[in-house]
Protein backbone atom coordinates (compact mmCIF):
# COMPACT_ATOMS: atom_id res chain seq x y z
CA MET A 1 -26.92 12.69 -16.30
CA SER A 2 -23.71 13.27 -13.99
CA SER A 3 -23.33 15.58 -11.56
CA LEU A 4 -20.35 17.42 -9.69
CA CYS A 5 -20.05 19.97 -6.44
CA ARG A 6 -17.48 22.33 -7.06
CA ASP A 7 -17.34 23.10 -3.34
CA CYS A 8 -16.26 19.39 -2.06
CA GLY A 9 -15.92 17.67 -5.08
CA ALA A 10 -18.68 15.23 -4.25
CA ARG A 11 -20.51 13.18 -6.63
CA PRO A 12 -23.86 13.32 -6.04
CA PRO A 13 -25.93 9.97 -7.81
CA LYS A 14 -28.60 11.84 -9.04
CA SER A 15 -29.18 15.67 -9.37
CA LYS A 16 -30.29 17.71 -6.37
CA SER A 17 -30.86 21.10 -5.99
CA ARG A 18 -27.99 20.95 -2.69
CA CYS A 19 -24.81 18.59 -2.50
CA PRO A 20 -25.83 16.21 0.16
CA SER A 21 -22.27 15.99 1.54
CA CYS A 22 -21.76 19.34 2.17
CA GLY A 23 -24.98 21.42 1.24
CA SER A 24 -23.46 24.10 -1.57
CA PRO A 25 -25.85 24.40 -4.33
CA ARG A 26 -23.07 25.23 -6.49
CA LEU A 27 -23.46 21.61 -8.84
CA VAL A 28 -22.56 21.21 -12.44
CA ASP A 29 -25.36 18.67 -13.70
CA HIS A 30 -24.30 17.35 -17.97
CA VAL A 31 -25.07 13.89 -19.21
CA GLU A 32 -21.81 14.57 -21.24
CA LEU A 33 -20.04 15.84 -17.96
CA ASP A 34 -17.25 13.34 -17.75
CA ASP A 35 -16.84 12.82 -21.04
CA LEU A 36 -15.17 15.82 -21.98
CA SER A 37 -11.73 17.05 -22.01
CA ILE A 38 -11.25 20.84 -23.53
CA ALA A 39 -11.12 23.65 -21.11
CA HIS A 40 -11.27 27.23 -21.25
CA ILE A 41 -10.12 29.08 -17.36
CA ASP A 42 -10.47 32.64 -16.88
CA CYS A 43 -9.71 34.48 -14.00
CA ASP A 44 -12.31 37.07 -12.99
CA ALA A 45 -12.14 40.12 -13.12
CA PHE A 46 -8.47 39.56 -12.90
CA TYR A 47 -6.42 42.71 -12.04
CA ALA A 48 -9.25 43.51 -9.56
CA SER A 49 -9.45 40.62 -8.14
CA ILE A 50 -5.75 40.75 -7.05
CA GLU A 51 -6.33 44.38 -5.47
CA LYS A 52 -9.22 43.34 -3.54
CA ARG A 53 -6.93 40.51 -1.95
CA ASP A 54 -4.40 42.84 -1.01
CA ASN A 55 -7.04 45.01 0.25
CA PRO A 56 -10.28 43.71 2.41
CA GLU A 57 -11.62 47.27 2.38
CA LEU A 58 -12.11 46.99 -0.54
CA GLN A 59 -14.24 43.85 -0.59
CA ASP A 60 -17.68 45.49 -1.18
CA LYS A 61 -16.50 48.59 -2.93
CA PRO A 62 -16.25 49.48 -7.18
CA VAL A 63 -12.85 49.19 -8.12
CA ILE A 64 -11.17 50.45 -11.28
CA VAL A 65 -8.00 49.59 -12.33
CA GLY A 66 -6.76 51.96 -15.02
CA GLY A 67 -4.91 55.11 -15.88
CA GLY A 68 -5.64 58.84 -14.66
CA GLN A 69 -8.38 61.07 -16.02
CA ARG A 70 -7.25 60.77 -19.47
CA GLY A 71 -6.02 57.18 -19.15
CA VAL A 72 -8.57 54.29 -20.02
CA VAL A 73 -9.97 51.73 -17.67
CA SER A 74 -7.42 48.35 -17.96
CA THR A 75 -10.43 46.04 -16.06
CA CYS A 76 -13.08 46.93 -13.36
CA CYS A 77 -14.95 44.25 -10.43
CA TYR A 78 -18.24 43.25 -11.11
CA ILE A 79 -19.51 45.95 -8.33
CA ALA A 80 -18.50 48.58 -11.04
CA ARG A 81 -19.76 46.80 -13.89
CA ILE A 82 -23.36 47.18 -12.58
CA TYR A 83 -22.83 50.54 -13.21
CA GLY A 84 -22.12 50.47 -16.59
CA VAL A 85 -17.87 50.18 -16.29
CA ARG A 86 -16.21 48.16 -18.97
CA SER A 87 -12.86 47.48 -19.61
CA ALA A 88 -10.97 49.93 -22.54
CA MET A 89 -13.86 52.90 -21.79
CA PRO A 90 -12.12 56.14 -21.41
CA MET A 91 -11.56 56.48 -17.59
CA PHE A 92 -13.57 60.12 -17.88
CA LYS A 93 -16.90 57.68 -18.45
CA ALA A 94 -16.14 55.32 -16.22
CA LEU A 95 -16.22 58.11 -13.56
CA GLU A 96 -18.97 59.22 -15.19
CA ALA A 97 -20.51 56.12 -14.56
CA CYS A 98 -19.55 55.23 -11.53
CA PRO A 99 -18.23 58.23 -9.39
CA ASP A 100 -17.84 56.52 -6.19
CA ALA A 101 -15.18 53.86 -7.72
CA VAL A 102 -11.98 53.61 -6.66
CA VAL A 103 -9.69 53.95 -8.89
CA ILE A 104 -6.20 51.82 -9.06
CA LYS A 105 -3.36 52.36 -11.05
CA PRO A 106 -2.22 49.30 -12.53
CA ASN A 107 0.93 47.40 -10.95
CA MET A 108 1.82 44.68 -13.62
CA GLU A 109 4.59 43.18 -11.62
CA LYS A 110 1.95 41.86 -9.20
CA TYR A 111 -0.53 40.67 -11.43
CA SER A 112 2.42 39.12 -13.21
CA ARG A 113 3.37 36.91 -10.19
CA ALA A 114 0.05 35.72 -9.60
CA GLY A 115 -0.74 34.68 -13.55
CA LYS A 116 2.85 32.76 -13.31
CA ASP A 117 1.68 31.05 -10.25
CA ILE A 118 -1.28 29.72 -12.15
CA ARG A 119 0.27 29.32 -15.77
CA GLU A 120 2.29 26.72 -13.08
CA ARG A 121 -0.24 25.16 -11.55
CA MET A 122 -2.02 24.95 -15.40
CA ARG A 123 1.14 22.96 -16.38
CA ALA A 124 0.62 20.42 -13.71
CA LEU A 125 -2.92 19.39 -15.00
CA THR A 126 -1.52 18.81 -18.26
CA PRO A 127 1.81 19.97 -20.88
CA LEU A 128 -1.27 20.89 -23.24
CA VAL A 129 -1.56 24.45 -21.93
CA GLU A 130 -2.18 27.53 -24.34
CA PRO A 131 -1.87 30.94 -22.89
CA LEU A 132 -4.40 33.55 -24.32
CA SER A 133 -3.13 36.25 -21.51
CA ILE A 134 -1.88 36.32 -18.38
CA ASP A 135 -5.03 35.10 -16.39
CA GLU A 136 -6.75 33.31 -19.24
CA ALA A 137 -5.56 29.71 -21.37
CA PHE A 138 -6.97 27.06 -23.00
CA LEU A 139 -6.29 23.27 -21.30
CA ASP A 140 -6.54 20.05 -22.89
CA LEU A 141 -6.49 17.26 -20.68
CA THR A 142 -7.67 14.30 -22.44
CA GLY A 143 -5.98 11.14 -20.90
CA THR A 144 -4.88 12.58 -17.63
CA GLU A 145 -7.47 10.68 -15.53
CA ARG A 146 -5.27 7.82 -14.57
CA LEU A 147 -2.51 10.78 -13.46
CA HIS A 148 -4.79 12.34 -11.35
CA ARG A 149 -7.25 9.93 -10.61
CA ALA A 150 -10.11 11.96 -11.65
CA THR A 151 -12.39 13.16 -14.51
CA PRO A 152 -11.04 16.61 -16.17
CA ALA A 153 -14.16 17.93 -14.38
CA GLU A 154 -13.08 16.95 -11.10
CA THR A 155 -9.86 18.00 -12.03
CA LEU A 156 -10.68 21.48 -12.91
CA ALA A 157 -13.00 22.16 -9.84
CA ARG A 158 -10.35 20.78 -7.82
CA PHE A 159 -8.22 23.52 -9.57
CA VAL A 160 -10.44 26.74 -8.82
CA ARG A 161 -10.87 25.91 -5.20
CA ASP A 162 -7.23 25.35 -4.96
CA ILE A 163 -6.30 29.09 -6.50
CA GLU A 164 -9.40 30.52 -4.46
CA GLN A 165 -7.81 29.24 -1.45
CA ASP A 166 -3.99 29.59 -2.06
CA ILE A 167 -3.95 32.37 -4.23
CA GLY A 168 -7.11 34.75 -3.26
CA ILE A 169 -8.51 35.02 -6.39
CA THR A 170 -12.05 33.40 -8.79
CA ALA A 171 -11.73 31.70 -11.71
CA SER A 172 -14.35 30.82 -14.53
CA VAL A 173 -14.48 27.33 -16.33
CA GLY A 174 -16.05 26.24 -19.49
CA LEU A 175 -15.59 22.73 -20.46
CA ALA A 176 -16.64 21.83 -24.03
CA PRO A 177 -15.60 18.90 -26.78
CA ASN A 178 -13.63 22.31 -28.68
CA LYS A 179 -11.85 25.30 -28.05
CA PHE A 180 -14.72 27.52 -29.47
CA LEU A 181 -17.05 26.35 -27.18
CA ALA A 182 -15.14 25.75 -24.09
CA LYS A 183 -14.48 29.79 -24.54
CA LEU A 184 -18.28 29.97 -25.33
CA ALA A 185 -18.76 28.59 -21.83
CA SER A 186 -16.22 29.68 -19.43
CA ASP A 187 -18.21 33.57 -19.74
CA LEU A 188 -22.10 31.76 -19.41
CA GLU A 189 -21.82 31.93 -15.36
CA LYS A 190 -19.35 34.46 -14.61
CA PRO A 191 -17.53 34.81 -11.53
CA ARG A 192 -17.00 31.50 -9.96
CA GLY A 193 -18.69 29.87 -13.13
CA PHE A 194 -18.41 26.31 -14.43
CA SER A 195 -20.51 25.74 -17.85
CA VAL A 196 -20.72 22.98 -19.79
CA ILE A 197 -21.46 22.81 -23.40
CA GLY A 198 -21.98 19.40 -24.84
CA ALA A 199 -21.39 18.22 -28.71
CA ALA A 200 -25.03 16.96 -28.86
CA GLU A 201 -26.33 20.07 -27.58
CA ALA A 202 -24.20 22.92 -29.33
CA LYS A 203 -26.25 23.69 -31.53
CA SER A 204 -29.46 24.43 -29.97
CA VAL A 205 -27.19 26.58 -27.27
CA LEU A 206 -25.45 28.78 -29.96
CA ALA A 207 -28.47 29.01 -32.12
CA PRO A 208 -30.10 32.37 -30.11
CA MET A 209 -26.66 33.66 -29.45
CA PRO A 210 -25.62 36.85 -31.60
CA VAL A 211 -23.38 36.34 -34.21
CA GLY A 212 -20.64 38.31 -32.34
CA ARG A 213 -20.64 35.57 -29.87
CA ILE A 214 -18.40 33.90 -33.22
CA TRP A 215 -14.21 33.43 -32.26
CA GLY A 216 -13.05 36.07 -34.67
CA VAL A 217 -16.54 38.15 -35.91
CA GLY A 218 -15.78 41.96 -34.51
CA LYS A 219 -18.09 44.74 -34.35
CA VAL A 220 -17.62 45.92 -37.71
CA PHE A 221 -18.12 42.50 -39.75
CA GLN A 222 -20.82 41.92 -36.91
CA LYS A 223 -22.54 45.21 -38.41
CA LYS A 224 -21.95 43.62 -42.37
CA LEU A 225 -23.93 40.65 -41.10
CA GLU A 226 -26.89 42.16 -39.20
CA ASN A 227 -26.80 44.54 -42.78
CA ASP A 228 -27.34 41.35 -44.67
CA GLY A 229 -30.00 40.23 -42.20
CA ILE A 230 -27.96 37.82 -40.22
CA ARG A 231 -28.23 38.53 -36.38
CA THR A 232 -28.19 35.09 -34.66
CA ILE A 233 -26.07 31.76 -35.22
CA GLY A 234 -29.02 29.98 -35.85
CA GLU A 235 -29.71 32.12 -38.59
CA LEU A 236 -26.33 31.40 -40.24
CA GLN A 237 -26.63 27.76 -39.44
CA VAL A 238 -29.43 27.36 -42.06
CA MET A 239 -27.58 28.85 -44.54
CA GLU A 240 -25.55 26.28 -46.88
CA ALA A 241 -21.98 26.69 -46.63
CA ASN A 242 -21.23 27.52 -50.20
CA GLU A 243 -23.53 30.47 -49.60
CA LEU A 244 -21.77 31.69 -47.29
CA ALA A 245 -18.44 31.37 -48.95
CA ARG A 246 -20.49 33.12 -52.29
CA ARG A 247 -20.88 36.09 -49.97
CA TYR A 248 -17.76 36.22 -46.95
CA GLY A 249 -14.92 34.26 -48.86
CA SER A 250 -13.10 32.04 -46.53
CA ILE A 251 -14.53 33.72 -43.16
CA GLY A 252 -17.80 32.51 -44.67
CA LEU A 253 -16.70 28.42 -44.26
CA ARG A 254 -15.46 29.72 -40.81
CA LEU A 255 -18.76 30.67 -40.00
CA ALA A 256 -20.50 27.32 -41.38
CA LYS A 257 -18.51 25.49 -39.06
CA LEU A 258 -18.36 27.55 -35.85
CA SER A 259 -22.24 28.40 -36.11
CA HIS A 260 -22.78 23.98 -35.34
CA GLY A 261 -20.21 24.15 -32.85
CA GLU A 262 -17.13 22.73 -34.94
CA ASP A 263 -13.97 23.43 -34.38
CA THR A 264 -11.02 21.79 -35.26
CA ARG A 265 -8.22 23.79 -33.71
CA ILE A 266 -5.87 21.50 -31.30
CA VAL A 267 -4.51 23.23 -27.97
CA LYS A 268 -0.99 24.38 -28.56
CA PRO A 269 0.73 24.82 -25.94
CA GLN A 270 3.21 27.41 -27.64
CA ARG A 271 1.74 30.71 -28.65
CA GLY A 272 4.93 32.50 -29.69
CA ALA A 273 4.13 36.70 -29.84
CA LYS A 274 2.69 38.03 -32.95
CA SER A 275 4.13 41.37 -32.21
CA VAL A 276 6.07 43.51 -29.90
CA SER A 277 5.03 47.06 -29.37
CA SER A 278 5.10 50.22 -26.88
CA GLU A 279 2.73 52.54 -26.46
CA THR A 280 1.76 55.60 -24.45
CA THR A 281 -0.85 58.18 -23.31
CA PHE A 282 -0.31 61.77 -23.12
CA ARG A 283 -1.72 64.25 -20.04
CA THR A 284 -2.76 66.96 -23.11
CA ASP A 285 -3.34 66.45 -26.53
CA ILE A 286 -0.35 67.01 -28.83
CA SER A 287 -0.16 68.14 -32.52
CA SER A 288 3.39 69.18 -32.93
CA LEU A 289 5.59 66.79 -35.03
CA ASP A 290 8.45 67.98 -33.26
CA THR A 291 6.98 67.41 -29.62
CA LEU A 292 5.87 63.49 -30.62
CA ARG A 293 9.28 63.09 -32.52
CA PRO A 294 11.02 62.22 -29.71
CA ILE A 295 8.90 60.11 -27.88
CA LEU A 296 7.94 58.27 -31.34
CA ARG A 297 11.45 57.64 -30.33
CA ASN A 298 11.75 56.27 -27.24
CA LEU A 299 9.07 54.13 -28.03
CA SER A 300 11.26 52.78 -30.89
CA GLU A 301 14.02 51.95 -28.29
CA LYS A 302 11.51 50.09 -25.52
CA VAL A 303 10.58 47.94 -28.69
CA SER A 304 13.78 47.16 -29.87
CA ALA A 305 15.30 46.69 -26.79
CA ARG A 306 12.20 43.76 -25.84
CA LEU A 307 13.09 42.23 -29.66
CA LYS A 308 16.89 42.18 -28.71
CA LYS A 309 15.98 39.77 -25.44
CA SER A 310 13.73 38.03 -27.04
CA GLY A 311 15.93 36.95 -29.61
CA LEU A 312 13.22 37.98 -32.64
CA SER A 313 12.98 40.49 -35.50
CA GLY A 314 10.21 41.70 -37.64
CA ARG A 315 9.44 42.49 -41.27
CA GLY A 316 6.00 44.84 -40.46
CA VAL A 317 6.16 48.28 -38.10
CA THR A 318 2.49 49.74 -37.14
CA LEU A 319 1.91 53.10 -36.06
CA LYS A 320 -1.30 53.34 -33.73
CA LEU A 321 -2.29 56.87 -33.04
CA LYS A 322 -5.51 58.24 -31.17
CA THR A 323 -7.09 61.62 -31.71
CA ALA A 324 -8.26 63.74 -28.96
CA ASP A 325 -12.19 62.56 -29.88
CA PHE A 326 -10.75 58.82 -29.45
CA LYS A 327 -10.52 57.90 -33.09
CA THR A 328 -7.69 55.30 -33.48
CA ILE A 329 -5.46 54.93 -36.49
CA THR A 330 -2.57 52.94 -37.92
CA ARG A 331 -0.51 52.93 -40.80
CA ALA A 332 1.79 50.23 -41.42
CA ARG A 333 4.70 49.53 -43.42
CA HIS A 334 6.73 45.95 -44.82
CA LEU A 335 10.42 46.51 -44.39
CA SER A 336 12.30 44.57 -46.91
CA ASP A 337 14.58 42.58 -44.32
CA PRO A 338 13.32 41.80 -40.38
CA THR A 339 15.10 44.38 -38.32
CA GLN A 340 15.24 44.63 -34.79
CA LEU A 341 17.41 48.45 -34.79
CA ALA A 342 15.40 51.35 -33.03
CA ASP A 343 17.47 53.07 -35.87
CA ARG A 344 14.99 51.17 -38.43
CA ILE A 345 11.64 51.09 -36.65
CA PHE A 346 11.62 54.73 -35.85
CA ALA A 347 12.88 55.56 -39.27
CA ALA A 348 9.36 53.64 -40.70
CA GLY A 349 7.48 55.08 -37.88
CA GLU A 350 8.64 58.72 -38.85
CA ASP A 351 7.33 58.46 -41.97
CA LEU A 352 4.54 57.11 -41.53
CA LEU A 353 3.76 59.96 -38.59
CA GLN A 354 4.37 62.69 -40.57
CA ASN A 355 1.56 61.69 -43.19
CA GLU A 356 -0.95 61.91 -40.28
CA THR A 357 0.47 65.43 -38.09
CA ASP A 358 -1.86 67.87 -40.14
CA GLY A 359 -3.03 69.49 -37.40
CA ARG A 360 -5.00 66.92 -35.52
CA ARG A 361 -4.76 66.65 -31.73
CA PHE A 362 -3.36 63.14 -30.38
CA ARG A 363 -4.13 61.54 -27.14
CA LEU A 364 -1.84 58.31 -27.75
CA ILE A 365 0.98 57.24 -29.72
CA GLY A 366 2.52 53.98 -30.37
CA ILE A 367 4.51 51.32 -32.00
CA GLY A 368 4.81 47.79 -32.76
CA VAL A 369 6.89 45.36 -34.59
CA SER A 370 5.11 42.46 -36.41
CA ASP A 371 5.40 39.59 -38.42
CA LEU A 372 8.04 38.13 -36.18
CA GLU A 373 11.11 35.32 -36.57
CA ASP A 374 14.03 34.48 -35.09
CA ALA A 375 16.83 37.49 -34.96
CA ASP A 376 19.56 35.58 -36.75
CA ARG A 377 18.40 37.11 -40.17
CA ALA A 378 17.96 40.47 -38.87
CA ASP A 379 19.19 43.43 -40.15
CA PRO A 380 21.50 42.74 -43.15
CA GLN A 381 24.57 44.52 -44.23
CA ASP A 382 23.66 47.46 -46.62
CA LEU A 383 25.98 47.10 -49.09
CA VAL A 384 24.36 50.87 -50.59
CA ASP A 385 23.73 53.35 -47.53
CA GLN A 386 26.92 52.53 -45.75
CA SER A 387 25.74 55.24 -42.95
CA ALA A 388 23.41 52.98 -42.18
CA GLU A 389 26.06 50.41 -41.14
CA ARG A 390 27.22 52.77 -38.83
CA ARG A 391 24.40 53.72 -36.69
CA LYS A 392 23.44 50.06 -36.82
CA SER A 393 27.31 49.25 -34.65
CA ALA A 394 26.74 52.74 -32.44
CA GLU A 395 23.18 51.74 -31.94
CA LEU A 396 24.77 48.04 -30.51
CA ALA A 397 27.73 49.96 -28.49
CA VAL A 398 24.76 51.66 -27.05
CA ASP A 399 23.23 48.52 -26.05
CA GLN A 400 26.45 47.09 -24.48
CA LEU A 401 26.83 50.43 -22.25
CA ARG A 402 23.24 50.31 -21.07
CA ASP A 403 23.44 46.44 -20.63
CA LYS A 404 26.48 47.30 -18.20
CA PHE A 405 25.86 50.94 -16.69
CA GLY A 406 21.67 50.89 -16.90
CA LEU A 407 18.92 52.60 -19.25
CA LYS A 408 19.63 56.21 -18.57
CA ALA A 409 23.87 55.52 -19.26
CA VAL A 410 23.45 57.05 -22.54
CA GLU A 411 20.69 59.22 -24.08
CA LEU A 412 20.29 60.36 -27.38
CA GLY A 413 19.22 63.84 -28.14
CA LEU A 414 15.75 62.58 -29.18
CA THR A 415 15.30 60.37 -26.39
CA HIS A 416 16.28 63.26 -23.44
CA ALA A 417 13.74 65.48 -25.54
CA ALA A 418 11.00 62.50 -25.08
CA ARG A 419 11.95 62.75 -21.54
CA THR A 420 11.87 66.41 -20.85
CA ALA A 421 8.88 67.27 -22.82
CA GLU A 422 5.18 67.27 -21.76
CA LYS A 423 5.85 63.83 -20.22
CA PRO A 424 3.76 60.85 -21.91
CA ARG A 425 1.89 58.34 -19.36
CA LYS A 426 1.98 54.81 -19.60
CA ASP A 427 -1.55 52.97 -19.39
């Protein structure tokens, strides 16, 4: 059995309740501690932690970061979670559960600065860093012992101590033989957790967990499994792989492997964006197509600008709507050629929107582009629709003017209408 003190880095000769060097009870004991090198690091309540760092008066108060009364919770501190507040919860429900919460509007620029600082510190540990979001990533520290003169576990413990001291936020670590187990481990003892799941114990640790803890099993599929009498991962473990494949196809084979703790995915340092999107939540519900169209055009221009800036294009266009009773509707269209033009994104989205404006009231609208690829094949000349070529030339000319004089230098009638209509608010 190997032991490590998370607070001072000491290595007690045998398992104790407290570190003999510093007296801390935060010890990690595991027989495979010094043999594992795949980690998942996840900052604890990231946005809320930064707000508490910057305002010490908030330390002992429930904090919710998110939109206003009609928005949703982006994240919340652990005090607020005691009252039942959760990420993505409608704000009015969150305030019903925790009426004394301090609500703070997200400051993405501030969060991004902290996230980039943490990411660079991760890359100083190993080049094999696979970001999952602004505040979490997989790391592969295989072969870094000589570089850091420490085992991966020691390096990770020092890393989270340093960001807590230097950046002022805490993080939880999961250490395991693969990504699936590392991600599970990082959730076991939040906040300030450091959990290990070894290869030898993987099956027994997984067995009592609900099937929803398996990567890729969402609420709908979890319900299907439960209807089939499968509620725990242990119930999957006793099933043959071919039986799971017969029932659920390719995902059945994945269930067979993951339920036994087997995951062959490697840590990939480059994770390209899968989609580019923009959405907005309204102050009051909207049902009119005439009111929604300019807002959709404005969002399409934002998506187009991001694609152009990133040198990307995409073939898939997805419209997202959320009704007044919080039901999410998505509609998609696949284009013949990849695009990065606002004109084509909006045209596809508008067609999809027309089929949905049947009197229902909507609280949110969004548009996104997926199936991304490089921009070199985007928007080839249309030999049939010459007006499309004129619109393309006009849009590129507007882009040049905006680059030179600012975004408001040129406004179309529709985008101007979006600003003067009942203003949407980004949550």
